[in-house]
């Protein structure tokens, strides 16, 4: 009788402890890869070297050809910035694919 009561009590403690345990953590998603866009969003010309600075919008790091372009960029809405960055990233990818050696 005492053994049965002790076994029941032990089971109750284990079960109640499990209900208070922290929920299992989900694996964190890796951060999206940052895409460097080396085309000026204002002039749409290829940026040479580091250009005149950069800004981050979404998962794009956008470079500028000159100091005036980043000032213009700063006046745009986030939606417009993302739209232009995406378009220029595609343009850059197409240019890189075209320039890649065939083999």
C-alpha atoms as a PDB file:
ATOM      1  CA  UNK A   1       0.000   0.000   0.000  1.00  0.00           C
ATOM      2  CA  UNK A   2       2.757   2.433   0.948  1.00  0.00           C
ATOM      3  CA  UNK A   3       4.748   1.421  -2.154  1.00  0.00           C
ATOM      4  CA  UNK A   4       1.728   2.045  -4.372  1.00  0.00           C
ATOM      5  CA  UNK A   5       1.121   5.423  -2.735  1.00  0.00           C
ATOM      6  CA  UNK A   6       4.818   6.379  -3.105  1.00  0.00           C
ATOM      7  CA  UNK A   7       4.866   5.297  -6.757  1.00  0.00           C
ATOM      8  CA  UNK A   8       1.706   7.308  -7.432  1.00  0.00           C
ATOM      9  CA  UNK A   9       3.168  10.337  -5.656  1.00  0.00           C
ATOM     10  CA  UNK A  10       6.435  10.060  -7.597  1.00  0.00           C
ATOM     11  CA  UNK A  11       4.541   9.817 -10.901  1.00  0.00           C
ATOM     12  CA  UNK A  12       2.458  12.874  -9.966  1.00  0.00           C
ATOM     13  CA  UNK A  13       5.595  14.889  -9.203  1.00  0.00           C
ATOM     14  CA  UNK A  14       7.201  13.930 -12.517  1.00  0.00           C
ATOM     15  CA  UNK A  15       4.059  14.737 -14.504  1.00  0.00           C
ATOM     16  CA  UNK A  16       3.458  18.076 -12.776  1.00  0.00           C
ATOM     17  CA  UNK A  17       7.114  19.036 -13.249  1.00  0.00           C
ATOM     18  CA  UNK A  18       6.833  18.367 -16.962  1.00  0.00           C
ATOM     19  CA  UNK A  19       3.834  20.661 -17.243  1.00  0.00           C
ATOM     20  CA  UNK A  20       5.853  23.552 -15.786  1.00  0.00           C
ATOM     21  CA  UNK A  21       8.925  22.920 -17.907  1.00  0.00           C
ATOM     22  CA  UNK A  22       9.812  25.536 -20.496  1.00  0.00           C
ATOM     23  CA  UNK A  23       8.528  24.793 -23.992  1.00  0.00           C
ATOM     24  CA  UNK A  24      11.084  23.474 -26.424  1.00  0.00           C
ATOM     25  CA  UNK A  25      12.790  26.284 -28.340  1.00  0.00           C
ATOM     26  CA  UNK A  26      12.476  26.291 -32.086  1.00  0.00           C
ATOM     27  CA  UNK A  27      15.669  26.465 -34.049  1.00  0.00           C
ATOM     28  CA  UNK A  28      16.368  30.062 -34.980  1.00  0.00           C
ATOM     29  CA  UNK A  29      16.128  30.810 -38.665  1.00  0.00           C
ATOM     30  CA  UNK A  30      19.382  32.022 -40.142  1.00  0.00           C
ATOM     31  CA  UNK A  31      19.365  35.676 -41.075  1.00  0.00           C
ATOM     32  CA  UNK A  32      18.729  36.244 -44.768  1.00  0.00           C
ATOM     33  CA  UNK A  33      21.887  36.757 -46.778  1.00  0.00           C
ATOM     34  CA  UNK A  34      22.707  40.415 -47.379  1.00  0.00           C
ATOM     35  CA  UNK A  35      22.883  41.207 -51.104  1.00  0.00           C
ATOM     36  CA  UNK A  36      25.315  43.953 -52.054  1.00  0.00           C
ATOM     37  CA  UNK A  37      23.908  46.035 -54.900  1.00  0.00           C
ATOM     38  CA  UNK A  38      26.752  47.837 -56.685  1.00  0.00           C
ATOM     39  CA  UNK A  39      24.440  49.857 -58.935  1.00  0.00           C
ATOM     40  CA  UNK A  40      23.473  53.356 -57.843  1.00  0.00           C
ATOM     41  CA  UNK A  41      19.713  53.404 -57.207  1.00  0.00           C
ATOM     42  CA  UNK A  42      19.384  56.999 -58.429  1.00  0.00           C
ATOM     43  CA  UNK A  43      21.418  56.897 -61.660  1.00  0.00           C
ATOM     44  CA  UNK A  44      21.230  53.096 -62.140  1.00  0.00           C
ATOM     45  CA  UNK A  45      24.903  53.166 -63.165  1.00  0.00           C
ATOM     46  CA  UNK A  46      27.466  50.653 -61.934  1.00  0.00           C
ATOM     47  CA  UNK A  47      29.283  51.886 -58.821  1.00  0.00           C
ATOM     48  CA  UNK A  48      33.079  51.823 -58.936  1.00  0.00           C
ATOM     49  CA  UNK A  49      34.867  50.555 -55.820  1.00  0.00           C
ATOM     50  CA  UNK A  50      33.145  51.476 -52.562  1.00  0.00           C
ATOM     51  CA  UNK A  51      31.366  54.377 -54.239  1.00  0.00           C
ATOM     52  CA  UNK A  52      30.153  57.163 -52.038  1.00  0.00           C
ATOM     53  CA  UNK A  53      28.770  55.150 -49.166  1.00  0.00           C
ATOM     54  CA  UNK A  54      25.886  52.747 -48.785  1.00  0.00           C
ATOM     55  CA  UNK A  55      22.558  52.167 -47.063  1.00  0.00           C
ATOM     56  CA  UNK A  56      20.755  48.989 -46.001  1.00  0.00           C
ATOM     57  CA  UNK A  57      17.124  48.327 -46.868  1.00  0.00           C
ATOM     58  CA  UNK A  58      15.622  44.901 -46.267  1.00  0.00           C
ATOM     59  CA  UNK A  59      18.334  42.383 -47.115  1.00  0.00           C
ATOM     60  CA  UNK A  60      20.009  44.715 -49.635  1.00  0.00           C
ATOM     61  CA  UNK A  61      23.107  46.848 -49.072  1.00  0.00           C
ATOM     62  CA  UNK A  62      22.848  49.529 -51.745  1.00  0.00           C
ATOM     63  CA  UNK A  63      25.897  51.550 -52.849  1.00  0.00           C
ATOM     64  CA  UNK A  64      25.853  55.072 -54.318  1.00  0.00           C
ATOM     65  CA  UNK A  65      27.949  56.629 -57.066  1.00  0.00           C
ATOM     66  CA  UNK A  66      28.160  60.074 -55.436  1.00  0.00           C
ATOM     67  CA  UNK A  67      27.199  61.996 -52.297  1.00  0.00           C
ATOM     68  CA  UNK A  68      24.134  63.587 -53.857  1.00  0.00           C
ATOM     69  CA  UNK A  69      22.566  60.222 -54.620  1.00  0.00           C
ATOM     70  CA  UNK A  70      22.422  59.072 -51.015  1.00  0.00           C
ATOM     71  CA  UNK A  71      20.660  62.319 -50.109  1.00  0.00           C
ATOM     72  CA  UNK A  72      18.067  61.666 -52.809  1.00  0.00           C
ATOM     73  CA  UNK A  73      17.669  58.048 -51.623  1.00  0.00           C
ATOM     74  CA  UNK A  74      16.960  59.228 -48.084  1.00  0.00           C
ATOM     75  CA  UNK A  75      13.816  61.033 -49.319  1.00  0.00           C
ATOM     76  CA  UNK A  76      12.301  57.849 -50.835  1.00  0.00           C
ATOM     77  CA  UNK A  77       9.733  55.627 -49.140  1.00  0.00           C
ATOM     78  CA  UNK A  78      10.860  52.236 -47.909  1.00  0.00           C
ATOM     79  CA  UNK A  79       8.608  50.596 -50.481  1.00  0.00           C
ATOM     80  CA  UNK A  80      10.300  52.485 -53.330  1.00  0.00           C
ATOM     81  CA  UNK A  81      13.760  51.711 -51.920  1.00  0.00           C
ATOM     82  CA  UNK A  82      12.991  47.986 -51.770  1.00  0.00           C
ATOM     83  CA  UNK A  83      11.486  47.994 -55.249  1.00  0.00           C
ATOM     84  CA  UNK A  84      14.519  49.714 -56.792  1.00  0.00           C
ATOM     85  CA  UNK A  85      17.019  47.597 -54.813  1.00  0.00           C
ATOM     86  CA  UNK A  86      15.335  44.393 -55.979  1.00  0.00           C
ATOM     87  CA  UNK A  87      15.324  45.580 -59.607  1.00  0.00           C
ATOM     88  CA  UNK A  88      18.995  46.562 -59.498  1.00  0.00           C
ATOM     89  CA  UNK A  89      19.987  43.312 -57.758  1.00  0.00           C
ATOM     90  CA  UNK A  90      18.384  41.428 -60.667  1.00  0.00           C
ATOM     91  CA  UNK A  91      20.192  43.681 -63.160  1.00  0.00           C
ATOM     92  CA  UNK A  92      23.493  43.034 -61.371  1.00  0.00           C
ATOM     93  CA  UNK A  93      22.908  39.253 -61.294  1.00  0.00           C
ATOM     94  CA  UNK A  94      22.139  39.240 -65.027  1.00  0.00           C
ATOM     95  CA  UNK A  95      25.323  41.220 -65.767  1.00  0.00           C
ATOM     96  CA  UNK A  96      27.409  38.863 -63.630  1.00  0.00           C
ATOM     97  CA  UNK A  97      25.889  35.816 -65.315  1.00  0.00           C
ATOM     98  CA  UNK A  98      26.593  37.284 -68.732  1.00  0.00           C
ATOM     99  CA  UNK A  99      30.207  38.079 -67.778  1.00  0.00           C
ATOM    100  CA  UNK A 100      30.852  34.642 -66.243  1.00  0.00           C
ATOM    101  CA  UNK A 101      33.246  32.493 -68.275  1.00  0.00           C
ATOM    102  CA  UNK A 102      31.522  29.738 -70.183  1.00  0.00           C
ATOM    103  CA  UNK A 103      32.908  26.406 -69.471  1.00  0.00           C
END
